[in-house]
Amino acid sequence: MKLYYSPGACSLSPHIVLREAGFDVTLEKVNLRTKETETGANYAAINPKGYVPALQLDGGELLTEGPAIVQYVADLVPEKKLAPPSGTLARARLQEWLTFIGTELHKSFSPLFNPAASDDMREAARANLARRFPIVATALDAKPYLLGDEFSVADAYLFTVLGWAGLVNVDLSPWPSLGAFAERIKARPAVQAALKAEGLLK
């Protein structure tokens, strides 16, 4: 399998999950401005959506969208318990968290990275994050991971998104459990390996 990624972007989530799953994945970095990969390929021709992540499967198919990729990978190795079994309430809880992270946290960060965003848009994004972080913090006050006592693919996604806070001056200190969670996830060997491979950790 080949993962198309950009360092520190939302593609870090499936990158972590692939390593947690034990797959020997090929990485290909994408310049999101020029839409060119590090091998000189036209990324827009590979993935018409134009953004990362994209996972090229061994059979040649391309799978996009982080939440879909991480669940697909988790289901390939059920013994790793990266996601609850399909059809269970626990799996629906996982999808609930993946959706919340994607729509309420991930997308709220987007204006803070957009140089064309107005001050009002940025302020609204920060206010929205401040309303959403307590929901996650409350969950992590009671348990080490989003689903309980075991790491899941939702934790990889949350870790990735929380990692953007320092880049855009979003203060997480009002919610200590978020910082503690990020440090706990960062200490995992697979996470360390992914961060190093993307040049985010020396």
N, C-alpha and C. Protein backbone atom coordinates (compact mmCIF):
# COMPACT_ATOMS: atom_id res chain seq x y z
N MET A 1 0.84 -1.19 0.00
CA MET A 1 0.00 0.00 0.00
C MET A 1 0.88 1.25 0.00
N LYS A 2 0.34 2.31 -0.59
CA LYS A 2 1.05 3.59 -0.63
C LYS A 2 0.15 4.68 -0.06
N LEU A 3 0.69 5.44 0.87
CA LEU A 3 -0.05 6.55 1.46
C LEU A 3 0.49 7.86 0.91
N TYR A 4 -0.39 8.63 0.31
CA TYR A 4 -0.06 9.99 -0.11
C TYR A 4 -0.35 10.91 1.07
N TYR A 5 0.66 11.69 1.46
CA TYR A 5 0.55 12.47 2.69
C TYR A 5 1.22 13.83 2.54
N SER A 6 0.92 14.70 3.48
CA SER A 6 1.64 15.96 3.64
C SER A 6 2.01 16.04 5.12
N PRO A 7 3.26 16.38 5.44
CA PRO A 7 3.71 16.32 6.84
C PRO A 7 2.80 17.09 7.80
N GLY A 8 2.32 16.39 8.82
CA GLY A 8 1.53 17.02 9.86
C GLY A 8 0.09 17.30 9.50
N ALA A 9 -0.29 17.04 8.25
CA ALA A 9 -1.68 17.25 7.84
C ALA A 9 -2.56 16.13 8.37
N CYS A 10 -3.82 16.13 8.01
CA CYS A 10 -4.73 15.10 8.52
C CYS A 10 -4.33 13.70 8.07
N SER A 11 -3.47 13.61 7.07
CA SER A 11 -2.95 12.30 6.63
C SER A 11 -2.09 11.64 7.70
N LEU A 12 -1.68 12.40 8.71
CA LEU A 12 -0.90 11.79 9.80
C LEU A 12 -1.74 10.74 10.53
N SER A 13 -3.04 10.93 10.58
CA SER A 13 -3.92 9.97 11.27
C SER A 13 -3.86 8.58 10.63
N PRO A 14 -4.13 8.42 9.33
CA PRO A 14 -3.98 7.09 8.73
C PRO A 14 -2.55 6.59 8.74
N HIS A 15 -1.59 7.50 8.67
CA HIS A 15 -0.19 7.09 8.76
C HIS A 15 0.07 6.38 10.09
N ILE A 16 -0.40 6.99 11.17
CA ILE A 16 -0.26 6.38 12.49
C ILE A 16 -0.96 5.03 12.53
N VAL A 17 -2.18 4.99 12.02
CA VAL A 17 -2.96 3.75 12.07
C VAL A 17 -2.30 2.64 11.26
N LEU A 18 -1.75 2.96 10.12
CA LEU A 18 -1.05 1.96 9.31
C LEU A 18 0.13 1.37 10.09
N ARG A 19 0.84 2.22 10.82
CA ARG A 19 1.96 1.73 11.62
C ARG A 19 1.48 0.95 12.83
N GLU A 20 0.41 1.40 13.46
CA GLU A 20 -0.17 0.65 14.58
C GLU A 20 -0.63 -0.73 14.12
N ALA A 21 -1.11 -0.80 12.88
CA ALA A 21 -1.60 -2.06 12.32
C ALA A 21 -0.47 -2.98 11.90
N GLY A 22 0.73 -2.43 11.78
CA GLY A 22 1.88 -3.25 11.43
C GLY A 22 2.15 -3.38 9.95
N PHE A 23 1.56 -2.50 9.13
CA PHE A 23 1.78 -2.57 7.69
C PHE A 23 3.06 -1.84 7.29
N ASP A 24 3.75 -2.41 6.32
CA ASP A 24 4.93 -1.79 5.74
C ASP A 24 4.47 -0.95 4.56
N VAL A 25 4.10 0.29 4.83
CA VAL A 25 3.49 1.13 3.82
C VAL A 25 4.53 2.03 3.16
N THR A 26 4.34 2.27 1.87
CA THR A 26 5.17 3.23 1.14
C THR A 26 4.57 4.61 1.31
N LEU A 27 5.42 5.60 1.56
CA LEU A 27 4.96 6.97 1.72
C LEU A 27 5.34 7.81 0.51
N GLU A 28 4.42 8.64 0.07
CA GLU A 28 4.75 9.60 -0.99
C GLU A 28 4.21 10.97 -0.61
N LYS A 29 5.16 11.89 -0.41
CA LYS A 29 4.80 13.23 0.04
C LYS A 29 4.18 14.04 -1.10
N VAL A 30 3.17 14.85 -0.73
CA VAL A 30 2.47 15.67 -1.70
C VAL A 30 2.64 17.14 -1.34
N ASN A 31 2.99 17.93 -2.33
CA ASN A 31 3.00 19.39 -2.16
C ASN A 31 1.59 19.87 -2.48
N LEU A 32 0.87 20.29 -1.45
CA LEU A 32 -0.54 20.63 -1.63
C LEU A 32 -0.74 21.94 -2.39
N ARG A 33 0.28 22.76 -2.49
CA ARG A 33 0.17 24.00 -3.26
C ARG A 33 0.32 23.72 -4.76
N THR A 34 1.34 22.93 -5.10
CA THR A 34 1.61 22.67 -6.51
C THR A 34 0.88 21.44 -7.03
N LYS A 35 0.32 20.63 -6.11
CA LYS A 35 -0.35 19.37 -6.47
C LYS A 35 0.61 18.41 -7.17
N GLU A 36 1.86 18.45 -6.72
CA GLU A 36 2.87 17.55 -7.27
C GLU A 36 3.42 16.69 -6.15
N THR A 37 3.66 15.41 -6.44
CA THR A 37 4.22 14.53 -5.42
C THR A 37 5.74 14.60 -5.47
N GLU A 38 6.36 14.01 -4.48
CA GLU A 38 7.82 14.08 -4.40
C GLU A 38 8.51 13.34 -5.54
N THR A 39 7.78 12.46 -6.24
CA THR A 39 8.36 11.77 -7.39
C THR A 39 8.06 12.50 -8.69
N GLY A 40 7.39 13.67 -8.58
CA GLY A 40 7.08 14.46 -9.77
C GLY A 40 5.75 14.13 -10.41
N ALA A 41 4.96 13.28 -9.77
CA ALA A 41 3.65 12.92 -10.33
C ALA A 41 2.64 14.03 -10.09
N ASN A 42 1.64 14.09 -10.97
CA ASN A 42 0.55 15.05 -10.84
C ASN A 42 -0.47 14.47 -9.87
N TYR A 43 -0.51 15.02 -8.65
CA TYR A 43 -1.39 14.44 -7.64
C TYR A 43 -2.87 14.61 -8.00
N ALA A 44 -3.21 15.69 -8.68
CA ALA A 44 -4.60 15.90 -9.08
C ALA A 44 -5.08 14.79 -10.02
N ALA A 45 -4.16 14.20 -10.77
CA ALA A 45 -4.53 13.09 -11.65
C ALA A 45 -4.70 11.80 -10.85
N ILE A 46 -3.96 11.69 -9.75
CA ILE A 46 -4.07 10.50 -8.89
C ILE A 46 -5.33 10.59 -8.04
N ASN A 47 -5.54 11.74 -7.41
CA ASN A 47 -6.70 11.97 -6.55
C ASN A 47 -7.33 13.30 -6.96
N PRO A 48 -8.40 13.25 -7.74
CA PRO A 48 -9.02 14.49 -8.23
C PRO A 48 -9.50 15.42 -7.12
N LYS A 49 -9.67 14.90 -5.89
CA LYS A 49 -10.06 15.77 -4.78
C LYS A 49 -8.95 16.76 -4.45
N GLY A 50 -7.71 16.37 -4.74
CA GLY A 50 -6.59 17.29 -4.60
C GLY A 50 -6.00 17.43 -3.22
N TYR A 51 -6.58 16.75 -2.22
CA TYR A 51 -6.05 16.85 -0.86
C TYR A 51 -5.68 15.47 -0.34
N VAL A 52 -4.98 15.46 0.77
CA VAL A 52 -4.58 14.22 1.40
C VAL A 52 -5.52 13.94 2.58
N PRO A 53 -5.58 12.67 3.01
CA PRO A 53 -4.81 11.51 2.56
C PRO A 53 -5.47 10.79 1.39
N ALA A 54 -4.66 9.95 0.77
CA ALA A 54 -5.16 8.98 -0.21
C ALA A 54 -4.32 7.72 -0.02
N LEU A 55 -4.98 6.59 0.00
CA LEU A 55 -4.28 5.32 0.17
C LEU A 55 -4.47 4.48 -1.08
N GLN A 56 -3.36 4.21 -1.75
CA GLN A 56 -3.41 3.32 -2.91
C GLN A 56 -3.26 1.89 -2.43
N LEU A 57 -4.27 1.08 -2.69
CA LEU A 57 -4.27 -0.29 -2.23
C LEU A 57 -3.44 -1.17 -3.15
N ASP A 58 -3.10 -2.34 -2.66
CA ASP A 58 -2.23 -3.23 -3.44
C ASP A 58 -2.87 -3.64 -4.76
N GLY A 59 -4.19 -3.64 -4.81
CA GLY A 59 -4.89 -3.99 -6.04
C GLY A 59 -5.03 -2.84 -7.01
N GLY A 60 -4.53 -1.65 -6.63
CA GLY A 60 -4.57 -0.49 -7.50
C GLY A 60 -5.66 0.50 -7.19
N GLU A 61 -6.66 0.11 -6.38
CA GLU A 61 -7.74 1.02 -6.04
C GLU A 61 -7.21 2.14 -5.14
N LEU A 62 -7.89 3.30 -5.21
CA LEU A 62 -7.52 4.44 -4.37
C LEU A 62 -8.65 4.69 -3.39
N LEU A 63 -8.29 4.77 -2.10
CA LEU A 63 -9.26 5.06 -1.05
C LEU A 63 -8.90 6.42 -0.45
N THR A 64 -9.88 7.30 -0.35
CA THR A 64 -9.65 8.63 0.20
C THR A 64 -10.54 8.85 1.43
N GLU A 65 -10.32 9.98 2.10
CA GLU A 65 -11.01 10.41 3.32
C GLU A 65 -10.50 9.62 4.52
N GLY A 66 -9.87 10.38 5.44
CA GLY A 66 -9.22 9.78 6.59
C GLY A 66 -10.08 8.80 7.39
N PRO A 67 -11.30 9.18 7.79
CA PRO A 67 -12.11 8.25 8.58
C PRO A 67 -12.40 6.94 7.87
N ALA A 68 -12.58 6.99 6.55
CA ALA A 68 -12.80 5.76 5.78
C ALA A 68 -11.53 4.92 5.75
N ILE A 69 -10.40 5.57 5.54
CA ILE A 69 -9.13 4.85 5.45
C ILE A 69 -8.81 4.15 6.77
N VAL A 70 -8.94 4.88 7.88
CA VAL A 70 -8.53 4.28 9.16
C VAL A 70 -9.42 3.10 9.54
N GLN A 71 -10.71 3.18 9.21
CA GLN A 71 -11.59 2.05 9.51
C GLN A 71 -11.29 0.86 8.61
N TYR A 72 -10.99 1.12 7.35
CA TYR A 72 -10.63 0.05 6.43
C TYR A 72 -9.38 -0.67 6.93
N VAL A 73 -8.38 0.10 7.30
CA VAL A 73 -7.12 -0.49 7.77
C VAL A 73 -7.36 -1.28 9.06
N ALA A 74 -8.12 -0.71 9.98
CA ALA A 74 -8.40 -1.39 11.24
C ALA A 74 -9.09 -2.73 11.00
N ASP A 75 -9.99 -2.78 10.03
CA ASP A 75 -10.72 -4.01 9.77
C ASP A 75 -9.86 -5.08 9.11
N LEU A 76 -8.73 -4.68 8.54
CA LEU A 76 -7.81 -5.66 7.97
C LEU A 76 -7.09 -6.46 9.05
N VAL A 77 -6.98 -5.86 10.23
CA VAL A 77 -6.26 -6.53 11.33
C VAL A 77 -7.11 -6.47 12.60
N PRO A 78 -8.23 -7.20 12.63
CA PRO A 78 -9.13 -7.12 13.78
C PRO A 78 -8.47 -7.50 15.10
N GLU A 79 -7.42 -8.33 15.00
CA GLU A 79 -6.73 -8.75 16.23
C GLU A 79 -6.02 -7.60 16.93
N LYS A 80 -5.76 -6.52 16.21
CA LYS A 80 -5.11 -5.35 16.80
C LYS A 80 -6.08 -4.48 17.61
N LYS A 81 -7.39 -4.70 17.42
CA LYS A 81 -8.43 -3.98 18.15
C LYS A 81 -8.32 -2.46 17.99
N LEU A 82 -8.03 -2.04 16.76
CA LEU A 82 -7.96 -0.60 16.48
C LEU A 82 -9.34 -0.01 16.25
N ALA A 83 -10.32 -0.87 16.03
CA ALA A 83 -11.72 -0.44 15.88
C ALA A 83 -12.60 -1.59 16.35
N PRO A 84 -13.72 -1.28 17.01
CA PRO A 84 -14.65 -2.34 17.39
C PRO A 84 -15.24 -3.01 16.15
N PRO A 85 -15.78 -4.20 16.30
CA PRO A 85 -16.36 -4.91 15.14
C PRO A 85 -17.50 -4.13 14.50
N SER A 86 -17.60 -4.24 13.18
CA SER A 86 -18.69 -3.59 12.45
C SER A 86 -20.03 -4.13 12.94
N GLY A 87 -21.01 -3.25 12.94
CA GLY A 87 -22.35 -3.65 13.33
C GLY A 87 -22.64 -3.58 14.80
N THR A 88 -21.65 -3.21 15.59
CA THR A 88 -21.85 -3.10 17.04
C THR A 88 -22.08 -1.65 17.43
N LEU A 89 -22.68 -1.46 18.61
CA LEU A 89 -22.85 -0.11 19.12
C LEU A 89 -21.50 0.55 19.34
N ALA A 90 -20.52 -0.25 19.78
CA ALA A 90 -19.18 0.31 19.99
C ALA A 90 -18.61 0.87 18.69
N ARG A 91 -18.88 0.20 17.56
CA ARG A 91 -18.40 0.72 16.27
C ARG A 91 -19.12 2.02 15.93
N ALA A 92 -20.40 2.09 16.25
CA ALA A 92 -21.13 3.34 16.02
C ALA A 92 -20.57 4.46 16.88
N ARG A 93 -20.14 4.13 18.10
CA ARG A 93 -19.51 5.14 18.97
C ARG A 93 -18.20 5.63 18.35
N LEU A 94 -17.44 4.71 17.77
CA LEU A 94 -16.21 5.10 17.07
C LEU A 94 -16.53 6.06 15.93
N GLN A 95 -17.53 5.72 15.14
CA GLN A 95 -17.91 6.58 14.01
C GLN A 95 -18.45 7.91 14.49
N GLU A 96 -19.10 7.89 15.64
CA GLU A 96 -19.59 9.13 16.26
C GLU A 96 -18.42 10.07 16.55
N TRP A 97 -17.36 9.52 17.14
CA TRP A 97 -16.18 10.33 17.44
C TRP A 97 -15.47 10.78 16.18
N LEU A 98 -15.32 9.89 15.21
CA LEU A 98 -14.64 10.26 13.96
C LEU A 98 -15.40 11.41 13.27
N THR A 99 -16.72 11.34 13.29
CA THR A 99 -17.52 12.39 12.67
C THR A 99 -17.39 13.71 13.43
N PHE A 100 -17.44 13.63 14.75
CA PHE A 100 -17.30 14.84 15.57
C PHE A 100 -15.93 15.50 15.35
N ILE A 101 -14.87 14.69 15.36
CA ILE A 101 -13.53 15.24 15.16
C ILE A 101 -13.43 15.89 13.78
N GLY A 102 -13.99 15.21 12.77
CA GLY A 102 -13.89 15.72 11.41
C GLY A 102 -14.69 16.98 11.16
N THR A 103 -15.93 17.00 11.64
CA THR A 103 -16.81 18.12 11.32
C THR A 103 -16.73 19.27 12.30
N GLU A 104 -16.47 18.96 13.57
CA GLU A 104 -16.51 20.01 14.59
C GLU A 104 -15.13 20.53 14.99
N LEU A 105 -14.10 19.69 14.90
CA LEU A 105 -12.75 20.13 15.26
C LEU A 105 -11.90 20.39 14.02
N HIS A 106 -11.72 19.38 13.19
CA HIS A 106 -10.89 19.50 11.99
C HIS A 106 -11.31 20.71 11.15
N LYS A 107 -12.60 20.78 10.82
CA LYS A 107 -13.06 21.86 9.95
C LYS A 107 -13.01 23.23 10.64
N SER A 108 -13.09 23.23 11.96
CA SER A 108 -12.99 24.51 12.67
C SER A 108 -11.58 25.08 12.63
N PHE A 109 -10.59 24.21 12.46
CA PHE A 109 -9.21 24.69 12.35
C PHE A 109 -8.94 25.30 10.97
N SER A 110 -9.72 24.90 9.96
CA SER A 110 -9.40 25.29 8.58
C SER A 110 -9.23 26.79 8.37
N PRO A 111 -10.14 27.65 8.90
CA PRO A 111 -9.95 29.09 8.68
C PRO A 111 -8.66 29.62 9.30
N LEU A 112 -8.16 28.96 10.34
CA LEU A 112 -6.96 29.44 11.01
C LEU A 112 -5.70 29.19 10.17
N PHE A 113 -5.81 28.29 9.20
CA PHE A 113 -4.69 28.03 8.29
C PHE A 113 -4.86 28.77 6.96
N ASN A 114 -6.00 29.40 6.76
CA ASN A 114 -6.30 30.03 5.47
C ASN A 114 -5.94 31.51 5.52
N PRO A 115 -4.91 31.93 4.78
CA PRO A 115 -4.50 33.34 4.81
C PRO A 115 -5.57 34.28 4.28
N ALA A 116 -6.53 33.75 3.53
CA ALA A 116 -7.59 34.59 2.98
C ALA A 116 -8.76 34.75 3.94
N ALA A 117 -8.74 34.03 5.06
CA ALA A 117 -9.84 34.11 6.02
C ALA A 117 -9.85 35.47 6.71
N SER A 118 -11.03 36.01 6.89
CA SER A 118 -11.15 37.31 7.57
C SER A 118 -10.95 37.12 9.07
N ASP A 119 -10.74 38.25 9.75
CA ASP A 119 -10.60 38.20 11.21
C ASP A 119 -11.87 37.65 11.85
N ASP A 120 -13.01 37.99 11.30
CA ASP A 120 -14.27 37.48 11.83
C ASP A 120 -14.36 35.97 11.69
N MET A 121 -13.91 35.47 10.56
CA MET A 121 -13.94 34.02 10.34
C MET A 121 -13.00 33.31 11.32
N ARG A 122 -11.85 33.90 11.54
CA ARG A 122 -10.89 33.30 12.48
C ARG A 122 -11.43 33.32 13.90
N GLU A 123 -12.05 34.43 14.27
CA GLU A 123 -12.61 34.54 15.61
C GLU A 123 -13.74 33.54 15.81
N ALA A 124 -14.55 33.37 14.78
CA ALA A 124 -15.65 32.40 14.87
C ALA A 124 -15.11 30.98 14.99
N ALA A 125 -14.01 30.70 14.29
CA ALA A 125 -13.40 29.37 14.36
C ALA A 125 -12.86 29.10 15.76
N ARG A 126 -12.19 30.07 16.33
CA ARG A 126 -11.65 29.91 17.69
C ARG A 126 -12.79 29.72 18.71
N ALA A 127 -13.85 30.48 18.53
CA ALA A 127 -14.99 30.37 19.45
C ALA A 127 -15.63 28.98 19.33
N ASN A 128 -15.72 28.48 18.11
CA ASN A 128 -16.31 27.16 17.91
C ASN A 128 -15.45 26.08 18.56
N LEU A 129 -14.14 26.18 18.41
CA LEU A 129 -13.24 25.22 19.04
C LEU A 129 -13.37 25.27 20.56
N ALA A 130 -13.48 26.47 21.10
CA ALA A 130 -13.62 26.63 22.55
C ALA A 130 -14.91 26.01 23.07
N ARG A 131 -15.93 25.94 22.21
CA ARG A 131 -17.17 25.28 22.62
C ARG A 131 -17.09 23.77 22.48
N ARG A 132 -16.24 23.30 21.59
CA ARG A 132 -16.17 21.86 21.30
C ARG A 132 -15.13 21.12 22.16
N PHE A 133 -14.03 21.79 22.48
CA PHE A 133 -12.98 21.13 23.26
C PHE A 133 -13.48 20.56 24.59
N PRO A 134 -14.37 21.25 25.31
CA PRO A 134 -14.83 20.69 26.58
C PRO A 134 -15.53 19.34 26.44
N ILE A 135 -16.16 19.10 25.31
CA ILE A 135 -16.83 17.82 25.09
C ILE A 135 -15.80 16.69 25.08
N VAL A 136 -14.70 16.92 24.36
CA VAL A 136 -13.64 15.91 24.29
C VAL A 136 -12.93 15.80 25.63
N ALA A 137 -12.66 16.94 26.24
CA ALA A 137 -11.94 16.94 27.51
C ALA A 137 -12.70 16.18 28.58
N THR A 138 -14.02 16.36 28.62
CA THR A 138 -14.84 15.66 29.60
C THR A 138 -14.75 14.15 29.40
N ALA A 139 -14.77 13.71 28.16
CA ALA A 139 -14.63 12.28 27.87
C ALA A 139 -13.29 11.76 28.33
N LEU A 140 -12.23 12.54 28.12
CA LEU A 140 -10.87 12.09 28.47
C LEU A 140 -10.55 12.31 29.94
N ASP A 141 -11.38 13.06 30.64
CA ASP A 141 -11.23 13.14 32.10
C ASP A 141 -11.55 11.80 32.75
N ALA A 142 -12.44 11.05 32.10
CA ALA A 142 -12.95 9.82 32.69
C ALA A 142 -12.23 8.56 32.22
N LYS A 143 -11.51 8.66 31.12
CA LYS A 143 -10.86 7.47 30.56
C LYS A 143 -9.66 7.90 29.73
N PRO A 144 -8.69 6.98 29.52
CA PRO A 144 -7.47 7.37 28.82
C PRO A 144 -7.63 7.57 27.32
N TYR A 145 -8.62 6.89 26.71
CA TYR A 145 -8.83 6.99 25.27
C TYR A 145 -10.30 7.28 25.00
N LEU A 146 -10.61 7.69 23.80
CA LEU A 146 -11.97 8.10 23.49
C LEU A 146 -13.00 7.00 23.70
N LEU A 147 -12.61 5.75 23.42
CA LEU A 147 -13.55 4.64 23.57
C LEU A 147 -13.39 3.91 24.89
N GLY A 148 -12.46 4.34 25.72
CA GLY A 148 -12.29 3.65 27.01
C GLY A 148 -10.84 3.39 27.34
N ASP A 149 -10.53 2.13 27.56
CA ASP A 149 -9.18 1.77 28.01
C ASP A 149 -8.24 1.36 26.89
N GLU A 150 -8.74 1.30 25.65
CA GLU A 150 -7.90 0.85 24.54
C GLU A 150 -7.82 1.92 23.46
N PHE A 151 -6.63 2.08 22.91
CA PHE A 151 -6.38 2.98 21.78
C PHE A 151 -7.21 2.54 20.58
N SER A 152 -7.78 3.52 19.87
CA SER A 152 -8.50 3.22 18.63
C SER A 152 -8.10 4.23 17.56
N VAL A 153 -8.62 4.01 16.36
CA VAL A 153 -8.30 4.92 15.25
C VAL A 153 -8.80 6.34 15.52
N ALA A 154 -9.83 6.48 16.35
CA ALA A 154 -10.32 7.83 16.69
C ALA A 154 -9.27 8.61 17.47
N ASP A 155 -8.49 7.91 18.28
CA ASP A 155 -7.44 8.59 19.04
C ASP A 155 -6.34 9.11 18.12
N ALA A 156 -6.04 8.38 17.07
CA ALA A 156 -5.04 8.84 16.10
C ALA A 156 -5.51 10.13 15.43
N TYR A 157 -6.78 10.19 15.10
CA TYR A 157 -7.34 11.39 14.45
C TYR A 157 -7.35 12.56 15.41
N LEU A 158 -7.80 12.33 16.63
CA LEU A 158 -7.82 13.42 17.61
C LEU A 158 -6.41 13.94 17.88
N PHE A 159 -5.45 13.05 18.04
CA PHE A 159 -4.06 13.46 18.27
C PHE A 159 -3.57 14.36 17.12
N THR A 160 -3.88 13.97 15.90
CA THR A 160 -3.46 14.74 14.73
C THR A 160 -4.03 16.15 14.76
N VAL A 161 -5.32 16.25 15.03
CA VAL A 161 -5.99 17.55 15.03
C VAL A 161 -5.51 18.43 16.19
N LEU A 162 -5.36 17.84 17.36
CA LEU A 162 -4.86 18.62 18.50
C LEU A 162 -3.45 19.14 18.24
N GLY A 163 -2.69 18.43 17.43
CA GLY A 163 -1.33 18.85 17.11
C GLY A 163 -1.27 20.17 16.35
N TRP A 164 -2.38 20.58 15.77
CA TRP A 164 -2.39 21.84 15.02
C TRP A 164 -2.53 23.06 15.93
N ALA A 165 -2.94 22.84 17.17
CA ALA A 165 -3.23 23.97 18.06
C ALA A 165 -2.03 24.91 18.21
N GLY A 166 -0.85 24.34 18.42
CA GLY A 166 0.33 25.15 18.61
C GLY A 166 0.73 25.93 17.37
N LEU A 167 0.35 25.44 16.20
CA LEU A 167 0.72 26.11 14.95
C LEU A 167 -0.09 27.37 14.71
N VAL A 168 -1.27 27.43 15.30
CA VAL A 168 -2.16 28.58 15.05
C VAL A 168 -2.55 29.28 16.35
N ASN A 169 -1.72 29.09 17.37
CA ASN A 169 -1.88 29.78 18.66
C ASN A 169 -3.25 29.54 19.30
N VAL A 170 -3.68 28.28 19.28
CA VAL A 170 -4.87 27.89 20.02
C VAL A 170 -4.41 27.30 21.35
N ASP A 171 -4.83 27.90 22.43
CA ASP A 171 -4.39 27.50 23.76
C ASP A 171 -5.24 26.35 24.29
N LEU A 172 -4.60 25.20 24.54
CA LEU A 172 -5.31 24.04 25.07
C LEU A 172 -5.22 23.94 26.59
N SER A 173 -4.52 24.87 27.22
CA SER A 173 -4.28 24.75 28.66
C SER A 173 -5.56 24.76 29.52
N PRO A 174 -6.66 25.38 29.07
CA PRO A 174 -7.87 25.30 29.88
C PRO A 174 -8.43 23.88 30.02
N TRP A 175 -7.94 22.97 29.19
CA TRP A 175 -8.42 21.59 29.21
C TRP A 175 -7.22 20.65 29.38
N PRO A 176 -6.74 20.49 30.60
CA PRO A 176 -5.52 19.72 30.84
C PRO A 176 -5.57 18.29 30.31
N SER A 177 -6.76 17.70 30.29
CA SER A 177 -6.83 16.31 29.82
C SER A 177 -6.50 16.19 28.34
N LEU A 178 -6.66 17.27 27.58
CA LEU A 178 -6.30 17.23 26.16
C LEU A 178 -4.78 17.17 25.99
N GLY A 179 -4.08 17.99 26.77
CA GLY A 179 -2.62 17.97 26.71
C GLY A 179 -2.06 16.64 27.19
N ALA A 180 -2.64 16.10 28.26
CA ALA A 180 -2.19 14.82 28.79
C ALA A 180 -2.44 13.71 27.77
N PHE A 181 -3.59 13.76 27.09
CA PHE A 181 -3.90 12.79 26.04
C PHE A 181 -2.88 12.86 24.92
N ALA A 182 -2.57 14.08 24.46
CA ALA A 182 -1.63 14.24 23.35
C ALA A 182 -0.26 13.67 23.71
N GLU A 183 0.19 13.90 24.92
CA GLU A 183 1.49 13.36 25.35
C GLU A 183 1.44 11.84 25.45
N ARG A 184 0.33 11.30 25.90
CA ARG A 184 0.17 9.85 26.02
C ARG A 184 0.22 9.19 24.64
N ILE A 185 -0.47 9.79 23.69
CA ILE A 185 -0.47 9.22 22.33
C ILE A 185 0.90 9.39 21.68
N LYS A 186 1.51 10.54 21.88
CA LYS A 186 2.81 10.81 21.27
C LYS A 186 3.87 9.81 21.72
N ALA A 187 3.72 9.25 22.91
CA ALA A 187 4.71 8.32 23.44
C ALA A 187 4.62 6.93 22.81
N ARG A 188 3.54 6.65 22.08
CA ARG A 188 3.39 5.32 21.48
C ARG A 188 4.44 5.11 20.40
N PRO A 189 5.06 3.94 20.34
CA PRO A 189 6.12 3.70 19.35
C PRO A 189 5.69 3.95 17.91
N ALA A 190 4.48 3.53 17.54
CA ALA A 190 4.01 3.73 16.17
C ALA A 190 3.84 5.22 15.86
N VAL A 191 3.41 5.98 16.83
CA VAL A 191 3.25 7.42 16.64
C VAL A 191 4.61 8.09 16.49
N GLN A 192 5.54 7.68 17.32
CA GLN A 192 6.91 8.20 17.22
C GLN A 192 7.48 7.92 15.83
N ALA A 193 7.26 6.70 15.35
CA ALA A 193 7.80 6.32 14.04
C ALA A 193 7.16 7.14 12.92
N ALA A 194 5.85 7.38 13.01
CA ALA A 194 5.17 8.19 11.99
C ALA A 194 5.67 9.62 12.01
N LEU A 195 5.81 10.20 13.20
CA LEU A 195 6.29 11.58 13.32
C LEU A 195 7.70 11.71 12.76
N LYS A 196 8.54 10.74 13.05
CA LYS A 196 9.91 10.78 12.53
C LYS A 196 9.93 10.65 11.02
N ALA A 197 9.11 9.76 10.48
CA ALA A 197 9.07 9.55 9.03
C ALA A 197 8.60 10.80 8.30
N GLU A 198 7.76 11.60 8.94
CA GLU A 198 7.26 12.83 8.32
C GLU A 198 8.14 14.04 8.62
N GLY A 199 9.23 13.81 9.32
CA GLY A 199 10.14 14.90 9.65
C GLY A 199 9.64 15.82 10.74
N LEU A 200 8.71 15.33 11.55
CA LEU A 200 8.11 16.15 12.61
C LEU A 200 8.74 15.91 13.97
N LEU A 201 9.64 14.93 14.03
CA LEU A 201 10.29 14.58 15.28
C LEU A 201 11.70 14.11 14.98
N LYS A 202 12.66 14.63 15.72
CA LYS A 202 14.05 14.24 15.49
C LYS A 202 14.43 13.08 16.39
